[in-house]
Amino acid sequence: GGTALRLALPSAPAQIDLVGRQAGSRVIFVMHTDNLARDHATLLARGVVFEEGPRNEAYGSVAVFLDCCGNRWDLIQPAP
């Protein structure tokens, strides 16, 4: 009934070289929100690095941020 994300530390040199680049330069994860402005401000205040600030798209509003390993995430507020 829910979603889980398992995070694991790399255990071999080949894995270490790929940390943060599992999807090349593309976004690999998506996080939905009901209030992009609020969550963007909260994440910024906590030191999260955003590659792209909030922008409007046909599907909703989105901002792209990096996690601690360099993976790109979309923070999306779906269009009503």
N, C-alpha and C. Protein backbone atom coordinates (compact mmCIF):
# COMPACT_ATOMS: atom_id res chain seq x y z
N GLY A 1 0.78 -1.20 0.00
CA GLY A 1 0.00 0.00 0.00
C GLY A 1 0.82 1.26 0.00
N GLY A 2 2.16 1.15 -0.08
CA GLY A 2 2.98 2.36 -0.04
C GLY A 2 4.17 2.23 -0.94
N THR A 3 5.06 3.17 -0.83
CA THR A 3 6.28 3.18 -1.63
C THR A 3 7.46 3.23 -0.69
N ALA A 4 8.52 2.54 -1.08
CA ALA A 4 9.74 2.54 -0.28
C ALA A 4 10.92 2.80 -1.19
N LEU A 5 11.95 3.38 -0.65
CA LEU A 5 13.18 3.63 -1.37
C LEU A 5 14.31 3.07 -0.52
N ARG A 6 15.07 2.15 -1.08
CA ARG A 6 16.18 1.55 -0.34
C ARG A 6 17.47 2.22 -0.79
N LEU A 7 18.19 2.76 0.17
CA LEU A 7 19.48 3.38 -0.10
C LEU A 7 20.57 2.45 0.43
N ALA A 8 21.57 2.20 -0.39
CA ALA A 8 22.66 1.31 0.01
C ALA A 8 23.99 1.94 -0.34
N LEU A 9 24.96 1.73 0.52
CA LEU A 9 26.31 2.23 0.25
C LEU A 9 26.98 1.35 -0.80
N PRO A 10 27.82 1.93 -1.65
CA PRO A 10 28.53 1.11 -2.63
C PRO A 10 29.50 0.18 -1.93
N SER A 11 29.69 -1.00 -2.51
CA SER A 11 30.55 -1.99 -1.87
C SER A 11 31.72 -2.42 -2.75
N ALA A 12 31.89 -1.80 -3.91
CA ALA A 12 33.00 -2.15 -4.79
C ALA A 12 33.42 -0.90 -5.57
N PRO A 13 34.67 -0.83 -6.02
CA PRO A 13 35.13 0.35 -6.75
C PRO A 13 34.25 0.70 -7.96
N ALA A 14 33.77 -0.29 -8.69
CA ALA A 14 32.92 -0.01 -9.85
C ALA A 14 31.63 0.68 -9.43
N GLN A 15 31.10 0.31 -8.27
CA GLN A 15 29.89 0.95 -7.76
C GLN A 15 30.19 2.37 -7.30
N ILE A 16 31.31 2.57 -6.65
CA ILE A 16 31.69 3.89 -6.14
C ILE A 16 31.78 4.88 -7.30
N ASP A 17 32.34 4.44 -8.43
CA ASP A 17 32.49 5.33 -9.59
C ASP A 17 31.15 5.77 -10.16
N LEU A 18 30.08 5.03 -9.90
CA LEU A 18 28.77 5.35 -10.47
C LEU A 18 27.86 6.15 -9.54
N VAL A 19 28.26 6.32 -8.29
CA VAL A 19 27.41 7.03 -7.33
C VAL A 19 27.12 8.43 -7.87
N GLY A 20 25.84 8.76 -7.93
CA GLY A 20 25.40 10.06 -8.42
C GLY A 20 25.27 10.14 -9.92
N ARG A 21 25.62 9.07 -10.62
CA ARG A 21 25.55 9.09 -12.08
C ARG A 21 24.80 7.88 -12.63
N GLN A 22 23.96 7.26 -11.81
CA GLN A 22 23.24 6.07 -12.23
C GLN A 22 22.38 6.29 -13.46
N ALA A 23 21.89 7.48 -13.66
CA ALA A 23 21.02 7.78 -14.79
C ALA A 23 21.70 8.74 -15.77
N GLY A 24 23.02 8.75 -15.76
CA GLY A 24 23.72 9.72 -16.60
C GLY A 24 23.46 11.11 -16.07
N SER A 25 23.04 12.01 -16.92
CA SER A 25 22.75 13.38 -16.48
C SER A 25 21.25 13.63 -16.34
N ARG A 26 20.48 12.57 -16.43
CA ARG A 26 19.01 12.70 -16.37
C ARG A 26 18.51 12.64 -14.93
N VAL A 27 17.29 13.14 -14.74
CA VAL A 27 16.61 13.01 -13.44
C VAL A 27 16.29 11.53 -13.23
N ILE A 28 16.60 11.02 -12.05
CA ILE A 28 16.36 9.60 -11.77
C ILE A 28 15.19 9.39 -10.79
N PHE A 29 14.88 10.39 -9.99
CA PHE A 29 13.83 10.26 -8.99
C PHE A 29 12.85 11.43 -9.10
N VAL A 30 11.60 11.18 -8.70
CA VAL A 30 10.56 12.21 -8.70
C VAL A 30 9.90 12.22 -7.34
N MET A 31 9.74 13.41 -6.77
CA MET A 31 9.04 13.57 -5.50
C MET A 31 7.88 14.53 -5.73
N HIS A 32 6.68 14.09 -5.41
CA HIS A 32 5.50 14.95 -5.58
C HIS A 32 5.25 15.75 -4.31
N THR A 33 4.69 16.93 -4.48
CA THR A 33 4.34 17.80 -3.36
C THR A 33 3.00 18.47 -3.67
N ASP A 34 2.33 18.91 -2.62
CA ASP A 34 1.10 19.67 -2.81
C ASP A 34 1.35 21.17 -2.72
N ASN A 35 2.63 21.55 -2.45
CA ASN A 35 2.98 22.97 -2.33
C ASN A 35 4.45 23.15 -2.68
N LEU A 36 4.73 23.36 -3.95
CA LEU A 36 6.12 23.46 -4.41
C LEU A 36 6.85 24.64 -3.77
N ALA A 37 6.21 25.79 -3.70
CA ALA A 37 6.87 26.97 -3.13
C ALA A 37 7.32 26.71 -1.70
N ARG A 38 6.44 26.12 -0.90
CA ARG A 38 6.76 25.83 0.51
C ARG A 38 7.92 24.86 0.61
N ASP A 39 7.84 23.76 -0.13
CA ASP A 39 8.87 22.72 -0.01
C ASP A 39 10.20 23.16 -0.62
N HIS A 40 10.14 23.94 -1.68
CA HIS A 40 11.36 24.48 -2.27
C HIS A 40 12.07 25.37 -1.24
N ALA A 41 11.33 26.26 -0.59
CA ALA A 41 11.91 27.15 0.42
C ALA A 41 12.47 26.37 1.60
N THR A 42 11.75 25.35 2.04
CA THR A 42 12.22 24.52 3.17
C THR A 42 13.51 23.80 2.82
N LEU A 43 13.55 23.20 1.65
CA LEU A 43 14.75 22.47 1.22
C LEU A 43 15.94 23.41 1.04
N LEU A 44 15.70 24.58 0.44
CA LEU A 44 16.78 25.57 0.31
C LEU A 44 17.34 25.96 1.68
N ALA A 45 16.45 26.19 2.63
CA ALA A 45 16.87 26.59 3.98
C ALA A 45 17.69 25.50 4.66
N ARG A 46 17.48 24.27 4.25
CA ARG A 46 18.22 23.14 4.83
C ARG A 46 19.49 22.80 4.04
N GLY A 47 19.81 23.63 3.06
CA GLY A 47 21.06 23.47 2.33
C GLY A 47 21.00 22.60 1.08
N VAL A 48 19.80 22.22 0.66
CA VAL A 48 19.67 21.42 -0.55
C VAL A 48 20.03 22.30 -1.76
N VAL A 49 20.79 21.72 -2.67
CA VAL A 49 21.23 22.43 -3.87
C VAL A 49 20.23 22.19 -5.00
N PHE A 50 19.70 23.27 -5.54
CA PHE A 50 18.77 23.19 -6.67
C PHE A 50 19.52 23.57 -7.93
N GLU A 51 19.46 22.69 -8.93
CA GLU A 51 20.05 22.99 -10.24
C GLU A 51 19.14 23.93 -11.03
N GLU A 52 17.85 23.78 -10.83
CA GLU A 52 16.87 24.62 -11.52
C GLU A 52 15.81 25.05 -10.52
N GLY A 53 15.52 26.33 -10.52
CA GLY A 53 14.45 26.83 -9.66
C GLY A 53 13.10 26.44 -10.19
N PRO A 54 12.04 26.71 -9.46
CA PRO A 54 10.70 26.34 -9.90
C PRO A 54 10.35 26.94 -11.26
N ARG A 55 9.74 26.10 -12.08
CA ARG A 55 9.24 26.54 -13.38
C ARG A 55 7.91 25.85 -13.65
N ASN A 56 7.10 26.44 -14.50
CA ASN A 56 5.80 25.87 -14.84
C ASN A 56 5.89 25.08 -16.15
N GLU A 57 5.30 23.91 -16.13
CA GLU A 57 5.22 23.03 -17.30
C GLU A 57 3.76 22.63 -17.47
N ALA A 58 3.43 21.98 -18.56
CA ALA A 58 2.05 21.55 -18.81
C ALA A 58 1.55 20.60 -17.73
N TYR A 59 2.43 19.79 -17.17
CA TYR A 59 2.05 18.80 -16.17
C TYR A 59 2.05 19.34 -14.74
N GLY A 60 2.57 20.57 -14.55
CA GLY A 60 2.60 21.17 -13.22
C GLY A 60 3.83 22.04 -13.04
N SER A 61 4.17 22.31 -11.80
CA SER A 61 5.36 23.09 -11.47
C SER A 61 6.46 22.13 -11.02
N VAL A 62 7.70 22.45 -11.39
CA VAL A 62 8.81 21.54 -11.10
C VAL A 62 10.07 22.33 -10.76
N ALA A 63 10.88 21.76 -9.88
CA ALA A 63 12.22 22.27 -9.58
C ALA A 63 13.14 21.06 -9.49
N VAL A 64 14.36 21.19 -9.97
CA VAL A 64 15.31 20.07 -9.99
C VAL A 64 16.36 20.29 -8.91
N PHE A 65 16.53 19.28 -8.04
CA PHE A 65 17.54 19.38 -6.99
C PHE A 65 18.45 18.16 -6.98
N LEU A 66 19.56 18.29 -6.27
CA LEU A 66 20.54 17.21 -6.13
C LEU A 66 20.49 16.63 -4.74
N ASP A 67 20.57 15.30 -4.64
CA ASP A 67 20.69 14.70 -3.32
C ASP A 67 22.16 14.69 -2.90
N CYS A 68 22.45 14.13 -1.74
CA CYS A 68 23.81 14.17 -1.20
C CYS A 68 24.82 13.39 -2.04
N CYS A 69 24.35 12.55 -2.95
CA CYS A 69 25.24 11.77 -3.82
C CYS A 69 25.33 12.33 -5.23
N GLY A 70 24.62 13.42 -5.48
CA GLY A 70 24.65 14.04 -6.79
C GLY A 70 23.57 13.58 -7.75
N ASN A 71 22.65 12.74 -7.28
CA ASN A 71 21.53 12.32 -8.12
C ASN A 71 20.56 13.47 -8.30
N ARG A 72 20.00 13.58 -9.51
CA ARG A 72 19.04 14.64 -9.81
C ARG A 72 17.62 14.15 -9.50
N TRP A 73 16.85 15.01 -8.84
CA TRP A 73 15.45 14.76 -8.48
C TRP A 73 14.58 15.86 -9.07
N ASP A 74 13.37 15.48 -9.47
CA ASP A 74 12.34 16.46 -9.79
C ASP A 74 11.42 16.59 -8.58
N LEU A 75 11.23 17.81 -8.11
CA LEU A 75 10.22 18.10 -7.10
C LEU A 75 9.04 18.68 -7.87
N ILE A 76 7.94 17.95 -7.91
CA ILE A 76 6.81 18.30 -8.78
C ILE A 76 5.53 18.54 -7.99
N GLN A 77 4.88 19.66 -8.31
CA GLN A 77 3.51 19.89 -7.87
C GLN A 77 2.64 19.72 -9.12
N PRO A 78 1.92 18.59 -9.20
CA PRO A 78 1.11 18.33 -10.39
C PRO A 78 0.09 19.44 -10.65
N ALA A 79 -0.19 19.65 -11.93
CA ALA A 79 -1.22 20.63 -12.30
C ALA A 79 -2.57 20.16 -11.80
N PRO A 80 -3.44 21.12 -11.43
CA PRO A 80 -4.77 20.72 -10.94
C PRO A 80 -5.62 20.09 -12.03
